Amino acid sequence: MTTAFKIVDAQEWASARRIGAYAGSAVDLADGYVHLSAAGQLAETARRHYSGRDGLRLLEVDLERLDAVKWEPSRGGDLFPHQYGPLPVAAVLSDRPMSVSAEGVMTVGDPC
């Protein structure tokens, strides 16, 4: 697998683009790595952690451009990609607006 996904707050992503890297959300910073999701894990991640939120961005990340990714067990024993260190803006292949309904259903817009 060469890509993974990250859901971020739109304002945090705008700041990250200006400085060239995304340090992570409060949860990422507390855990010591940037949480990423494989394609098949994305819908459940959105439902569990972002229900009822708008003003989000969905980032598609090229894992081959990262040098500190580890696949580690998490939810239900699934292996999730974790980036140890900031996520470089240059590793992001696409950046799309998104929201997650109160029921946990994702709506994703066109790439920017």
PDB file of N, CA and C in Angstrom:
ATOM      1  N   MET A   1       0.841  -1.170   0.000  1.00  0.00           N
ATOM      2  CA  MET A   1       0.000   0.000   0.000  1.00  0.00           C
ATOM      3  C   MET A   1       0.891   1.240   0.000  1.00  0.00           C
ATOM      4  N   THR A   2       0.608   2.157  -0.888  1.00  0.00           N
ATOM      5  CA  THR A   2       1.475   3.325  -0.997  1.00  0.00           C
ATOM      6  C   THR A   2       0.815   4.610  -0.523  1.00  0.00           C
ATOM      7  N   THR A   3      -0.503   4.587  -0.257  1.00  0.00           N
ATOM      8  CA  THR A   3      -1.161   5.792   0.237  1.00  0.00           C
ATOM      9  C   THR A   3      -1.958   5.488   1.499  1.00  0.00           C
ATOM     10  N   ALA A   4      -2.167   6.535   2.277  1.00  0.00           N
ATOM     11  CA  ALA A   4      -3.020   6.483   3.461  1.00  0.00           C
ATOM     12  C   ALA A   4      -3.731   7.827   3.551  1.00  0.00           C
ATOM     13  N   PHE A   5      -4.602   7.956   4.532  1.00  0.00           N
ATOM     14  CA  PHE A   5      -5.425   9.151   4.637  1.00  0.00           C
ATOM     15  C   PHE A   5      -5.343   9.745   6.036  1.00  0.00           C
ATOM     16  N   LYS A   6      -5.519  11.059   6.092  1.00  0.00           N
ATOM     17  CA  LYS A   6      -5.545  11.786   7.346  1.00  0.00           C
ATOM     18  C   LYS A   6      -6.687  12.790   7.288  1.00  0.00           C
ATOM     19  N   ILE A   7      -7.526  12.783   8.315  1.00  0.00           N
ATOM     20  CA  ILE A   7      -8.585  13.781   8.455  1.00  0.00           C
ATOM     21  C   ILE A   7      -8.053  14.869   9.379  1.00  0.00           C
ATOM     22  N   VAL A   8      -8.114  16.105   8.924  1.00  0.00           N
ATOM     23  CA  VAL A   8      -7.589  17.218   9.716  1.00  0.00           C
ATOM     24  C   VAL A   8      -8.590  18.368   9.735  1.00  0.00           C
ATOM     25  N   ASP A   9      -8.495  19.168  10.761  1.00  0.00           N
ATOM     26  CA  ASP A   9      -9.255  20.403  10.840  1.00  0.00           C
ATOM     27  C   ASP A   9      -8.747  21.344   9.740  1.00  0.00           C
ATOM     28  N   ALA A  10      -9.659  21.988   9.028  1.00  0.00           N
ATOM     29  CA  ALA A  10      -9.273  22.845   7.897  1.00  0.00           C
ATOM     30  C   ALA A  10      -8.341  23.975   8.319  1.00  0.00           C
ATOM     31  N   GLN A  11      -8.584  24.579   9.473  1.00  0.00           N
ATOM     32  CA  GLN A  11      -7.720  25.674   9.919  1.00  0.00           C
ATOM     33  C   GLN A  11      -6.328  25.162  10.287  1.00  0.00           C
ATOM     34  N   GLU A  12      -6.264  23.999  10.924  1.00  0.00           N
ATOM     35  CA  GLU A  12      -4.953  23.424  11.244  1.00  0.00           C
ATOM     36  C   GLU A  12      -4.179  23.111   9.963  1.00  0.00           C
ATOM     37  N   TRP A  13      -4.885  22.617   8.945  1.00  0.00           N
ATOM     38  CA  TRP A  13      -4.222  22.288   7.686  1.00  0.00           C
ATOM     39  C   TRP A  13      -3.738  23.560   6.983  1.00  0.00           C
ATOM     40  N   ALA A  14      -4.521  24.623   7.036  1.00  0.00           N
ATOM     41  CA  ALA A  14      -4.094  25.893   6.426  1.00  0.00           C
ATOM     42  C   ALA A  14      -2.804  26.374   7.081  1.00  0.00           C
ATOM     43  N   SER A  15      -2.708  26.267   8.386  1.00  0.00           N
ATOM     44  CA  SER A  15      -1.476  26.652   9.094  1.00  0.00           C
ATOM     45  C   SER A  15      -0.314  25.756   8.692  1.00  0.00           C
ATOM     46  N   ALA A  16      -0.579  24.460   8.606  1.00  0.00           N
ATOM     47  CA  ALA A  16       0.473  23.506   8.233  1.00  0.00           C
ATOM     48  C   ALA A  16       1.002  23.795   6.832  1.00  0.00           C
ATOM     49  N   ARG A  17       0.132  24.148   5.921  1.00  0.00           N
ATOM     50  CA  ARG A  17       0.567  24.448   4.547  1.00  0.00           C
ATOM     51  C   ARG A  17       1.506  25.642   4.525  1.00  0.00           C
ATOM     52  N   ARG A  18       1.247  26.619   5.390  1.00  0.00           N
ATOM     53  CA  ARG A  18       2.113  27.796   5.435  1.00  0.00           C
ATOM     54  C   ARG A  18       3.515  27.451   5.939  1.00  0.00           C
ATOM     55  N   ILE A  19       3.611  26.521   6.882  1.00  0.00           N
ATOM     56  CA  ILE A  19       4.927  26.193   7.451  1.00  0.00           C
ATOM     57  C   ILE A  19       5.574  24.957   6.831  1.00  0.00           C
ATOM     58  N   GLY A  20       4.804  24.210   6.029  1.00  0.00           N
ATOM     59  CA  GLY A  20       5.378  23.078   5.304  1.00  0.00           C
ATOM     60  C   GLY A  20       5.232  21.724   5.962  1.00  0.00           C
ATOM     61  N   ALA A  21       4.604  21.667   7.137  1.00  0.00           N
ATOM     62  CA  ALA A  21       4.419  20.374   7.804  1.00  0.00           C
ATOM     63  C   ALA A  21       3.265  20.462   8.793  1.00  0.00           C
ATOM     64  N   TYR A  22       2.612  19.327   9.006  1.00  0.00           N
ATOM     65  CA  TYR A  22       1.517  19.212   9.961  1.00  0.00           C
ATOM     66  C   TYR A  22       2.028  18.448  11.174  1.00  0.00           C
ATOM     67  N   ALA A  23       2.062  19.106  12.327  1.00  0.00           N
ATOM     68  CA  ALA A  23       2.571  18.489  13.550  1.00  0.00           C
ATOM     69  C   ALA A  23       1.595  17.475  14.123  1.00  0.00           C
ATOM     70  N   GLY A  24       0.309  17.653  13.853  1.00  0.00           N
ATOM     71  CA  GLY A  24      -0.702  16.726  14.337  1.00  0.00           C
ATOM     72  C   GLY A  24      -1.766  17.405  15.163  1.00  0.00           C
ATOM     73  N   SER A  25      -2.856  16.684  15.358  1.00  0.00           N
ATOM     74  CA  SER A  25      -3.948  17.152  16.205  1.00  0.00           C
ATOM     75  C   SER A  25      -3.546  16.996  17.665  1.00  0.00           C
ATOM     76  N   ALA A  26      -4.396  17.434  18.570  1.00  0.00           N
ATOM     77  CA  ALA A  26      -4.120  17.268  20.002  1.00  0.00           C
ATOM     78  C   ALA A  26      -3.942  15.789  20.341  1.00  0.00           C
ATOM     79  N   VAL A  27      -4.753  14.922  19.757  1.00  0.00           N
ATOM     80  CA  VAL A  27      -4.632  13.473  20.004  1.00  0.00           C
ATOM     81  C   VAL A  27      -3.309  12.949  19.449  1.00  0.00           C
ATOM     82  N   ASP A  28      -2.947  13.371  18.244  1.00  0.00           N
ATOM     83  CA  ASP A  28      -1.670  12.949  17.650  1.00  0.00           C
ATOM     84  C   ASP A  28      -0.509  13.356  18.548  1.00  0.00           C
ATOM     85  N   LEU A  29      -0.524  14.601  18.989  1.00  0.00           N
ATOM     86  CA  LEU A  29       0.562  15.110  19.820  1.00  0.00           C
ATOM     87  C   LEU A  29       0.641  14.341  21.139  1.00  0.00           C
ATOM     88  N   ALA A  30      -0.512  14.033  21.736  1.00  0.00           N
ATOM     89  CA  ALA A  30      -0.527  13.281  22.990  1.00  0.00           C
ATOM     90  C   ALA A  30       0.006  11.859  22.798  1.00  0.00           C
ATOM     91  N   ASP A  31      -0.302  11.256  21.638  1.00  0.00           N
ATOM     92  CA  ASP A  31       0.125   9.874  21.376  1.00  0.00           C
ATOM     93  C   ASP A  31       1.550   9.776  20.851  1.00  0.00           C
ATOM     94  N   GLY A  32       2.094  10.882  20.356  1.00  0.00           N
ATOM     95  CA  GLY A  32       3.470  10.885  19.884  1.00  0.00           C
ATOM     96  C   GLY A  32       3.648  10.527  18.420  1.00  0.00           C
ATOM     97  N   TYR A  33       2.557  10.496  17.671  1.00  0.00           N
ATOM     98  CA  TYR A  33       2.626  10.224  16.230  1.00  0.00           C
ATOM     99  C   TYR A  33       1.360  10.739  15.563  1.00  0.00           C
ATOM    100  N   VAL A  34       1.438  10.934  14.244  1.00  0.00           N
ATOM    101  CA  VAL A  34       0.286  11.359  13.458  1.00  0.00           C
ATOM    102  C   VAL A  34      -0.463  10.102  13.029  1.00  0.00           C
ATOM    103  N   HIS A  35      -1.722  10.019  13.446  1.00  0.00           N
ATOM    104  CA  HIS A  35      -2.582   8.886  13.092  1.00  0.00           C
ATOM    105  C   HIS A  35      -2.984   8.988  11.622  1.00  0.00           C
ATOM    106  N   LEU A  36      -2.781   7.938  10.869  1.00  0.00           N
ATOM    107  CA  LEU A  36      -3.232   7.836   9.484  1.00  0.00           C
ATOM    108  C   LEU A  36      -4.159   6.627   9.385  1.00  0.00           C
ATOM    109  N   SER A  37      -4.919   6.545   8.309  1.00  0.00           N
ATOM    110  CA  SER A  37      -5.806   5.411   8.077  1.00  0.00           C
ATOM    111  C   SER A  37      -5.620   4.903   6.659  1.00  0.00           C
ATOM    112  N   ALA A  38      -5.657   3.585   6.496  1.00  0.00           N
ATOM    113  CA  ALA A  38      -5.701   2.992   5.166  1.00  0.00           C
ATOM    114  C   ALA A  38      -7.103   3.237   4.600  1.00  0.00           C
ATOM    115  N   ALA A  39      -7.264   3.070   3.309  1.00  0.00           N
ATOM    116  CA  ALA A  39      -8.544   3.351   2.653  1.00  0.00           C
ATOM    117  C   ALA A  39      -9.695   2.595   3.312  1.00  0.00           C
ATOM    118  N   GLY A  40      -9.510   1.340   3.610  1.00  0.00           N
ATOM    119  CA  GLY A  40     -10.562   0.526   4.208  1.00  0.00           C
ATOM    120  C   GLY A  40     -10.874   0.865   5.656  1.00  0.00           C
ATOM    121  N   GLN A  41     -10.061   1.668   6.281  1.00  0.00           N
ATOM    122  CA  GLN A  41     -10.248   2.056   7.677  1.00  0.00           C
ATOM    123  C   GLN A  41     -10.854   3.457   7.817  1.00  0.00           C
ATOM    124  N   LEU A  42     -10.878   4.188   6.724  1.00  0.00           N
ATOM    125  CA  LEU A  42     -11.232   5.606   6.766  1.00  0.00           C
ATOM    126  C   LEU A  42     -12.653   5.869   7.246  1.00  0.00           C
ATOM    127  N   ALA A  43     -13.640   5.158   6.738  1.00  0.00           N
ATOM    128  CA  ALA A  43     -15.034   5.411   7.113  1.00  0.00           C
ATOM    129  C   ALA A  43     -15.247   5.211   8.609  1.00  0.00           C
ATOM    130  N   GLU A  44     -14.673   4.173   9.174  1.00  0.00           N
ATOM    131  CA  GLU A  44     -14.826   3.923  10.610  1.00  0.00           C
ATOM    132  C   GLU A  44     -14.080   4.970  11.436  1.00  0.00           C
ATOM    133  N   THR A  45     -12.921   5.399  10.966  1.00  0.00           N
ATOM    134  CA  THR A  45     -12.198   6.471  11.656  1.00  0.00           C
ATOM    135  C   THR A  45     -13.038   7.743  11.673  1.00  0.00           C
ATOM    136  N   ALA A  46     -13.628   8.081  10.541  1.00  0.00           N
ATOM    137  CA  ALA A  46     -14.483   9.276  10.463  1.00  0.00           C
ATOM    138  C   ALA A  46     -15.667   9.156  11.411  1.00  0.00           C
ATOM    139  N   ARG A  47     -16.318   8.006  11.409  1.00  0.00           N
ATOM    140  CA  ARG A  47     -17.494   7.803  12.261  1.00  0.00           C
ATOM    141  C   ARG A  47     -17.125   7.896  13.742  1.00  0.00           C
ATOM    142  N   ARG A  48     -16.052   7.242  14.134  1.00  0.00           N
ATOM    143  CA  ARG A  48     -15.668   7.191  15.545  1.00  0.00           C
ATOM    144  C   ARG A  48     -15.150   8.519  16.096  1.00  0.00           C
ATOM    145  N   HIS A  49     -14.402   9.236  15.271  1.00  0.00           N
ATOM    146  CA  HIS A  49     -13.673  10.391  15.800  1.00  0.00           C
ATOM    147  C   HIS A  49     -14.128  11.760  15.282  1.00  0.00           C
ATOM    148  N   TYR A  50     -14.950  11.787  14.221  1.00  0.00           N
ATOM    149  CA  TYR A  50     -15.291  13.081  13.617  1.00  0.00           C
ATOM    150  C   TYR A  50     -16.786  13.279  13.381  1.00  0.00           C
ATOM    151  N   SER A  51     -17.635  12.420  13.922  1.00  0.00           N
ATOM    152  CA  SER A  51     -19.089  12.557  13.718  1.00  0.00           C
ATOM    153  C   SER A  51     -19.567  13.942  14.130  1.00  0.00           C
ATOM    154  N   GLY A  52     -20.426  14.514  13.277  1.00  0.00           N
ATOM    155  CA  GLY A  52     -20.999  15.822  13.551  1.00  0.00           C
ATOM    156  C   GLY A  52     -20.089  16.995  13.262  1.00  0.00           C
ATOM    157  N   ARG A  53     -18.997  16.739  12.546  1.00  0.00           N
ATOM    158  CA  ARG A  53     -18.032  17.818  12.288  1.00  0.00           C
ATOM    159  C   ARG A  53     -18.012  18.203  10.814  1.00  0.00           C
ATOM    160  N   ASP A  54     -17.859  19.488  10.581  1.00  0.00           N
ATOM    161  CA  ASP A  54     -17.569  19.982   9.241  1.00  0.00           C
ATOM    162  C   ASP A  54     -16.303  20.816   9.351  1.00  0.00           C
ATOM    163  N   GLY A  55     -15.923  21.467   8.282  1.00  0.00           N
ATOM    164  CA  GLY A  55     -14.677  22.236   8.319  1.00  0.00           C
ATOM    165  C   GLY A  55     -13.462  21.336   8.422  1.00  0.00           C
ATOM    166  N   LEU A  56     -13.548  20.178   7.786  1.00  0.00           N
ATOM    167  CA  LEU A  56     -12.451  19.209   7.798  1.00  0.00           C
ATOM    168  C   LEU A  56     -11.821  19.123   6.421  1.00  0.00           C
ATOM    169  N   ARG A  57     -10.623  18.573   6.374  1.00  0.00           N
ATOM    170  CA  ARG A  57      -9.933  18.280   5.114  1.00  0.00           C
ATOM    171  C   ARG A  57      -9.538  16.805   5.139  1.00  0.00           C
ATOM    172  N   LEU A  58      -9.680  16.161   4.002  1.00  0.00           N
ATOM    173  CA  LEU A  58      -9.231  14.786   3.842  1.00  0.00           C
ATOM    174  C   LEU A  58      -7.956  14.813   3.013  1.00  0.00           C
ATOM    175  N   LEU A  59      -6.869  14.370   3.624  1.00  0.00           N
ATOM    176  CA  LEU A  59      -5.574  14.353   2.951  1.00  0.00           C
ATOM    177  C   LEU A  59      -5.254  12.938   2.485  1.00  0.00           C
ATOM    178  N   GLU A  60      -4.844  12.807   1.246  1.00  0.00           N
ATOM    179  CA  GLU A  60      -4.301  11.538   0.756  1.00  0.00           C
ATOM    180  C   GLU A  60      -2.785  11.679   0.804  1.00  0.00           C
ATOM    181  N   VAL A  61      -2.144  10.778   1.515  1.00  0.00           N
ATOM    182  CA  VAL A  61      -0.721  10.883   1.802  1.00  0.00           C
ATOM    183  C   VAL A  61       0.050   9.789   1.069  1.00  0.00           C
ATOM    184  N   ASP A  62       1.126  10.173   0.407  1.00  0.00           N
ATOM    185  CA  ASP A  62       2.028   9.233  -0.246  1.00  0.00           C
ATOM    186  C   ASP A  62       2.990   8.687   0.807  1.00  0.00           C
ATOM    187  N   LEU A  63       2.781   7.453   1.209  1.00  0.00           N
ATOM    188  CA  LEU A  63       3.607   6.860   2.262  1.00  0.00           C
ATOM    189  C   LEU A  63       5.067   6.720   1.855  1.00  0.00           C
ATOM    190  N   GLU A  64       5.332   6.659   0.571  1.00  0.00           N
ATOM    191  CA  GLU A  64       6.714   6.530   0.104  1.00  0.00           C
ATOM    192  C   GLU A  64       7.509   7.824   0.300  1.00  0.00           C
ATOM    193  N   ARG A  65       6.814   8.928   0.566  1.00  0.00           N
ATOM    194  CA  ARG A  65       7.494  10.203   0.828  1.00  0.00           C
ATOM    195  C   ARG A  65       7.746  10.430   2.316  1.00  0.00           C
ATOM    196  N   LEU A  66       7.369   9.463   3.128  1.00  0.00           N
ATOM    197  CA  LEU A  66       7.572   9.562   4.574  1.00  0.00           C
ATOM    198  C   LEU A  66       8.691   8.620   4.990  1.00  0.00           C
ATOM    199  N   ASP A  67       9.438   9.016   5.992  1.00  0.00           N
ATOM    200  CA  ASP A  67      10.546   8.160   6.430  1.00  0.00           C
ATOM    201  C   ASP A  67      10.364   7.630   7.846  1.00  0.00           C
ATOM    202  N   ALA A  68       9.207   7.904   8.459  1.00  0.00           N
ATOM    203  CA  ALA A  68       9.019   7.480   9.845  1.00  0.00           C
ATOM    204  C   ALA A  68       7.661   6.821  10.072  1.00  0.00           C
ATOM    205  N   VAL A  69       7.177   6.069   9.068  1.00  0.00           N
ATOM    206  CA  VAL A  69       5.882   5.395   9.188  1.00  0.00           C
ATOM    207  C   VAL A  69       6.081   3.992   9.752  1.00  0.00           C
ATOM    208  N   LYS A  70       5.250   3.680  10.730  1.00  0.00           N
ATOM    209  CA  LYS A  70       5.213   2.323  11.280  1.00  0.00           C
ATOM    210  C   LYS A  70       3.770   1.853  11.235  1.00  0.00           C
ATOM    211  N   TRP A  71       3.582   0.599  10.822  1.00  0.00           N
ATOM    212  CA  TRP A  71       2.253  -0.011  10.834  1.00  0.00           C
ATOM    213  C   TRP A  71       2.117  -0.721  12.176  1.00  0.00           C
ATOM    214  N   GLU A  72       1.134  -0.259  12.971  1.00  0.00           N
ATOM    215  CA  GLU A  72       0.994  -0.786  14.323  1.00  0.00           C
ATOM    216  C   GLU A  72      -0.454  -1.180  14.603  1.00  0.00           C
ATOM    217  N   PRO A  73      -0.644  -2.188  15.455  1.00  0.00           N
ATOM    218  CA  PRO A  73      -2.010  -2.624  15.772  1.00  0.00           C
ATOM    219  C   PRO A  73      -2.766  -1.558  16.548  1.00  0.00           C
ATOM    220  N   SER A  74      -4.038  -1.459  16.227  1.00  0.00           N
ATOM    221  CA  SER A  74      -4.911  -0.524  16.918  1.00  0.00           C
ATOM    222  C   SER A  74      -6.289  -1.158  16.973  1.00  0.00           C
ATOM    223  N   ARG A  75      -7.295  -0.408  16.632  1.00  0.00           N
ATOM    224  CA  ARG A  75      -8.690  -0.837  16.696  1.00  0.00           C
ATOM    225  C   ARG A  75      -8.890  -2.264  16.183  1.00  0.00           C
ATOM    226  N   GLY A  76      -9.320  -3.143  17.059  1.00  0.00           N
ATOM    227  CA  GLY A  76      -9.621  -4.512  16.654  1.00  0.00           C
ATOM    228  C   GLY A  76      -8.427  -5.290  16.149  1.00  0.00           C
ATOM    229  N   GLY A  77      -7.225  -4.836  16.440  1.00  0.00           N
ATOM    230  CA  GLY A  77      -6.032  -5.532  15.974  1.00  0.00           C
ATOM    231  C   GLY A  77      -5.599  -5.151  14.565  1.00  0.00           C
ATOM    232  N   ASP A  78      -6.386  -4.299  13.881  1.00  0.00           N
ATOM    233  CA  ASP A  78      -5.992  -3.840  12.545  1.00  0.00           C
ATOM    234  C   ASP A  78      -4.687  -3.065  12.638  1.00  0.00           C
ATOM    235  N   LEU A  79      -3.881  -3.181  11.600  1.00  0.00           N
ATOM    236  CA  LEU A  79      -2.647  -2.402  11.522  1.00  0.00           C
ATOM    237  C   LEU A  79      -2.959  -1.045  10.896  1.00  0.00           C
ATOM    238  N   PHE A  80      -2.555   0.009  11.601  1.00  0.00           N
ATOM    239  CA  PHE A  80      -2.753   1.374  11.128  1.00  0.00           C
ATOM    240  C   PHE A  80      -1.389   2.020  10.881  1.00  0.00           C
ATOM    241  N   PRO A  81      -1.290   2.871   9.854  1.00  0.00           N
ATOM    242  CA  PRO A  81      -0.042   3.608   9.635  1.00  0.00           C
ATOM    243  C   PRO A  81       0.068   4.785  10.596  1.00  0.00           C
ATOM    244  N   HIS A  82       1.191   4.882  11.261  1.00  0.00           N
ATOM    245  CA  HIS A  82       1.472   5.984  12.180  1.00  0.00           C
ATOM    246  C   HIS A  82       2.750   6.675  11.734  1.00  0.00           C
ATOM    247  N   GLN A  83       2.681   7.981  11.561  1.00  0.00           N
ATOM    248  CA  GLN A  83       3.838   8.781  11.174  1.00  0.00           C
ATOM    249  C   GLN A  83       4.473   9.350  12.433  1.00  0.00           C
ATOM    250  N   TYR A  84       5.680   8.912  12.735  1.00  0.00           N
ATOM    251  CA  TYR A  84       6.406   9.420  13.898  1.00  0.00           C
ATOM    252  C   TYR A  84       7.169  10.664  13.475  1.00  0.00           C
ATOM    253  N   GLY A  85       6.612  11.799  13.790  1.00  0.00           N
ATOM    254  CA  GLY A  85       7.162  13.081  13.380  1.00  0.00           C
ATOM    255  C   GLY A  85       6.124  13.812  12.556  1.00  0.00           C
ATOM    256  N   PRO A  86       6.402  15.062  12.236  1.00  0.00           N
ATOM    257  CA  PRO A  86       5.457  15.866  11.454  1.00  0.00           C
ATOM    258  C   PRO A  86       5.181  15.247  10.085  1.00  0.00           C
ATOM    259  N   LEU A  87       4.005  15.535   9.576  1.00  0.00           N
ATOM    260  CA  LEU A  87       3.600  15.095   8.247  1.00  0.00           C
ATOM    261  C   LEU A  87       3.962  16.206   7.258  1.00  0.00           C
ATOM    262  N   PRO A  88       4.940  15.961   6.376  1.00  0.00           N
ATOM    263  CA  PRO A  88       5.337  17.006   5.423  1.00  0.00           C
ATOM    264  C   PRO A  88       4.216  17.300   4.418  1.00  0.00           C
ATOM    265  N   VAL A  89       3.964  18.557   4.182  1.00  0.00           N
ATOM    266  CA  VAL A  89       2.965  18.956   3.197  1.00  0.00           C
ATOM    267  C   VAL A  89       3.313  18.353   1.829  1.00  0.00           C
ATOM    268  N   ALA A  90       4.584  18.232   1.520  1.00  0.00           N
ATOM    269  CA  ALA A  90       5.017  17.677   0.230  1.00  0.00           C
ATOM    270  C   ALA A  90       4.609  16.219   0.043  1.00  0.00           C
ATOM    271  N   ALA A  91       4.252  15.523   1.107  1.00  0.00           N
ATOM    272  CA  ALA A  91       3.839  14.119   1.001  1.00  0.00           C
ATOM    273  C   ALA A  91       2.346  13.978   0.713  1.00  0.00           C
ATOM    274  N   VAL A  92       1.622  15.085   0.708  1.00  0.00           N
ATOM    275  CA  VAL A  92       0.172  15.058   0.499  1.00  0.00           C
ATOM    276  C   VAL A  92      -0.140  15.132  -0.993  1.00  0.00           C
ATOM    277  N   LEU A  93      -0.806  14.083  -1.500  1.00  0.00           N
ATOM    278  CA  LEU A  93      -1.144  13.995  -2.916  1.00  0.00           C
ATOM    279  C   LEU A  93      -2.411  14.769  -3.256  1.00  0.00           C
ATOM    280  N   SER A  94      -3.382  14.763  -2.337  1.00  0.00           N
ATOM    281  CA  SER A  94      -4.609  15.523  -2.560  1.00  0.00           C
ATOM    282  C   SER A  94      -5.150  16.006  -1.228  1.00  0.00           C
ATOM    283  N   ASP A  95      -5.940  17.058  -1.322  1.00  0.00           N
ATOM    284  CA  ASP A  95      -6.479  17.778  -0.169  1.00  0.00           C
ATOM    285  C   ASP A  95      -7.916  18.111  -0.530  1.00  0.00           C
ATOM    286  N   ARG A  96      -8.873  17.467   0.140  1.00  0.00           N
ATOM    287  CA  ARG A  96     -10.279  17.635  -0.219  1.00  0.00           C
ATOM    288  C   ARG A  96     -11.101  18.078   0.985  1.00  0.00           C
ATOM    289  N   PRO A  97     -12.071  18.974   0.766  1.00  0.00           N
ATOM    290  CA  PRO A  97     -12.954  19.355   1.870  1.00  0.00           C
ATOM    291  C   PRO A  97     -13.843  18.175   2.244  1.00  0.00           C
ATOM    292  N   MET A  98     -14.134  18.053   3.524  1.00  0.00           N
ATOM    293  CA  MET A  98     -15.026  16.981   3.941  1.00  0.00           C
ATOM    294  C   MET A  98     -15.791  17.372   5.191  1.00  0.00           C
ATOM    295  N   SER A  99     -16.860  16.630   5.421  1.00  0.00           N
ATOM    296  CA  SER A  99     -17.628  16.748   6.652  1.00  0.00           C
ATOM    297  C   SER A  99     -18.095  15.350   7.012  1.00  0.00           C
ATOM    298  N   VAL A 100     -18.518  15.198   8.258  1.00  0.00           N
ATOM    299  CA  VAL A 100     -19.028  13.915   8.739  1.00  0.00           C
ATOM    300  C   VAL A 100     -20.340  14.215   9.453  1.00  0.00           C
ATOM    301  N   SER A 101     -21.401  13.576   9.010  1.00  0.00           N
ATOM    302  CA  SER A 101     -22.715  13.827   9.609  1.00  0.00           C
ATOM    303  C   SER A 101     -22.753  13.334  11.048  1.00  0.00           C
ATOM    304  N   ALA A 102     -23.802  13.707  11.765  1.00  0.00           N
ATOM    305  CA  ALA A 102     -23.985  13.251  13.139  1.00  0.00           C
ATOM    306  C   ALA A 102     -24.089  11.733  13.197  1.00  0.00           C
ATOM    307  N   GLU A 103     -24.530  11.126  12.101  1.00  0.00           N
ATOM    308  CA  GLU A 103     -24.639   9.662  12.021  1.00  0.00           C
ATOM    309  C   GLU A 103     -23.329   9.019  11.621  1.00  0.00           C
ATOM    310  N   GLY A 104     -22.305   9.828  11.324  1.00  0.00           N
ATOM    311  CA  GLY A 104     -20.995   9.300  10.990  1.00  0.00           C
ATOM    312  C   GLY A 104     -20.747   9.056   9.518  1.00  0.00           C
ATOM    313  N   VAL A 105     -21.569   9.631   8.652  1.00  0.00           N
ATOM    314  CA  VAL A 105     -21.405   9.448   7.204  1.00  0.00           C
ATOM    315  C   VAL A 105     -20.559  10.571   6.647  1.00  0.00           C
ATOM    316  N   MET A 106     -19.507  10.197   5.920  1.00  0.00           N
ATOM    317  CA  MET A 106     -18.593  11.165   5.319  1.00  0.00           C
ATOM    318  C   MET A 106     -19.154  11.741   4.031  1.00  0.00           C
ATOM    319  N   THR A 107     -18.906  13.041   3.830  1.00  0.00           N
ATOM    320  CA  THR A 107     -19.158  13.697   2.557  1.00  0.00           C
ATOM    321  C   THR A 107     -17.844  14.361   2.169  1.00  0.00           C
ATOM    322  N   VAL A 108     -17.332  13.999   0.991  1.00  0.00           N
ATOM    323  CA  VAL A 108     -16.035  14.498   0.540  1.00  0.00           C
ATOM    324  C   VAL A 108     -16.223  15.254  -0.759  1.00  0.00           C
ATOM    325  N   GLY A 109     -15.625  16.465  -0.814  1.00  0.00           N
ATOM    326  CA  GLY A 109     -15.707  17.295  -2.005  1.00  0.00           C
ATOM    327  C   GLY A 109     -14.580  17.029  -2.980  1.00  0.00           C
ATOM    328  N   ASP A 110     -14.530  17.826  -4.022  1.00  0.00           N
ATOM    329  CA  ASP A 110     -13.504  17.709  -5.046  1.00  0.00           C
ATOM    330  C   ASP A 110     -12.150  18.160  -4.507  1.00  0.00           C
ATOM    331  N   PRO A 111     -11.057  17.589  -5.050  1.00  0.00           N
ATOM    332  CA  PRO A 111      -9.709  18.018  -4.620  1.00  0.00           C
ATOM    333  C   PRO A 111      -9.472  19.482  -4.907  1.00  0.00           C
ATOM    334  N   CYS A 112      -8.642  20.079  -4.068  1.00  0.00           N
ATOM    335  CA  CYS A 112      -8.257  21.498  -4.259  1.00  0.00           C
ATOM    336  C   CYS A 112      -6.969  21.577  -5.039  1.00  0.00           C
TER     337      CYS A 112
END
